[in-house]
Amino acid sequence: MSQHKGVDLGSGNVRKLLFSLAVPTITSQIVNMLYNMVDRIFIGHMQPTETVGKLALTGVGVCFPIIIIMSAFSALMAMGGTPKASIEEGRGNPEQSERIMGNSFTLLVLSALVLTLVVQLFAEPLLLTFGASENTIPYALDYMRIYSIGTLFVQLTLGMNAYITAQGFTTVSMKTVMIGAGLNILLDPIFIFLLDMGVQGAALATILSQAVSALWVLRFLTGSQTRWRLRRKNLRPVPAVFLPCLALGLSPFIMQSTESLIAVCFNSSLLKYGGDTAVGAMTVLTGIMQFALMPLSGLSQGAQPIISYNFGARNAERVRTAFRCLLKACLIYSMTLWALVQLFPQVFVLLFNNDGAFVDYAAWALRIYMGATGIFGIQIACQQTFVALGNAKTSLFLAVLRKIILLIPLIYILPPFFADKAFAVFLAEPVADALAVATTATLFARQFKTGMAQLEPSKT
C-alpha cells in the first residue's frame, strides 16, 4: 500500500485525495508565475531613465522563449519518468521506481550541462532569432549568460520536484517553489537596485534562489521521509530504464517547447494583418490563457499519481473513479472560465493594460481566441490520463496533433477565407482546440475501455 503521513493512493476517497494533491500543485504554479511577474516589474523600473527600464524588460522578455525550451528538457524526463515510477510502485516494485528516479537525475544533469554550453556559445544568435534588436541585445545577453550558468539548478528543481509530487508529498513540493519564490523576491531589489547590478542582478537572484530550491529537493529525496530514495547505485543510465520514460516524456516536452514556435507564427501573421496592436493583444491573450489554465494543469498533476499507482496495482475501478473525478473537475472549471471570458473579457485584459482602445481590441480578440475553452477540460483530462497510464504513443500523437498538425497550419490557412484577416488568425486557436478535443475524446473512449478491461480478471 502506498501510504505515508496520511497519503494513501491505493484506498480512501478518490475525490478528497485528488483535491488534496491538486491544491498544493496549483498553488505552486500560481506562486511560480507571480514571482516571475515580480521579476519583470523590478526590471521594468530600472533607472536612470524610463527608457532603460523598457529596453531591459524587452531584452529579458526575449530570453523567455529560450528559457521555456530549456525547462522543456526537465519535463522530457521528469514528466515521462514520474508516471512510470508510480506505475511500478503500484505493481509492488518500488526498487524500479528508484531506478527510474536515479536515471532521471543523471539525464537531467547531463542535459543541463549541454544546455549551459550551447547557450554560453550561441547566446547572441539565438536571442537575435527570437526577436532581440540592436537596442535590447545587450540586456538580453547580460541576463541569459548568467541565467544559463544556473541551468543545472533549474533542471534539478523542476525535474526532481516532480518525483516528490508523484509520491503524494505535494505540500513538500509546494514548499520547494515557495522557498525559491520568496528568496528571489527578496534578492531581486538587493541585486538590481542596492548593488546596482541591473539585469545581471535579476539573473543572479534567480539562479541563487533555484540553487537553494534544488538543495531542498535533493535533501528530501535523500532523507528518511521519502519513499523513493535517490541512491548512488541507480545513477548509472540504463537504456531499458530511461528510454521508455523519454518516449512518454516527449508529449509534455513537445507541448512546452513548441510554445516558442507558435508565438513566432502568431506574431508574424498578426503583425502582417493587424499591426503592433494585434501583436500586443496576442501577448496579453497568451498571458491570460496560460494563467487561467493553470488549475487544469494542477488538477491533472494531482490525479496522475492516483491513476498511475492504481493502474500498476490493476485496480481498474479506482482508475475509472479517478478519471471521472478529474474529467468532471476539469470540465466544470473550463466551462466556468469560458463563461467569464465571454461575459467580462475587459476585466481580464485590464489586469495587463488600461489603455481604452487597446482594451477594447484585446477584449474582442479574447472572446474569439478562447472560444473553445469551455470544452478544453476534456482535452486536458483525457490527454494527461494517457500520460498517467504510460501510453506514450497516443499522448505524443495528441501533443503533436493540436499544436503542430492543426494550430500552426490553421494560422496560415484561415486568413484567405475571411475579410478580417486578424480575426481569422485569432480564430485558429478555437478551431484547433475543437478539432483536437473531438479527436482526443474519440481515441480515449476506445482505448480507455480496452485498457480497463485488460486490468480486470476475465469472467468465465
Foldseek 3Di string as FASTA:
>chain_A
DLDAPHQDLPDDDLLVLLCLLLVLQLLLVLLLVVLVVVLLVLQCPADDDNVNSVLLSVLQVLCVLVVLLLLLQLLLLQLLLLLVCLLCVLLVHNVLSLLSLLQSLLSLQVSLVVSLVCCLVCVQVSSVVSPRDPSNSVSNNLQSNLLSVLSSLSSLLSNLLLNCSLSVNSVLNSVLSVQLSVQLSVQSCCQVPVVVPRSNSNSVSNSVSSNVSSVSSLCVQCDDRDPRHNDPVSNPHDCVSRVLSSLLSLLSSLLRSCVSVLLVLLQVQCCVQPNPLLNVLVVLLVVLVVSLCSSLVSSLSSLLSSLSSVLSNLVLVSNVVSLVSQLVVLLVSQQVVLVCLLVCVLVSSVVPDDDPVSSVVSSVLNNQLCVQSNLLSLVSSLLSSCSSNSVSPVNNVLSCQLPPVQQSVQLVPQQVVDPRNSSSNSNSNNVSSVVSSVVSVVVSVVPSVVSSVVSDDDDD
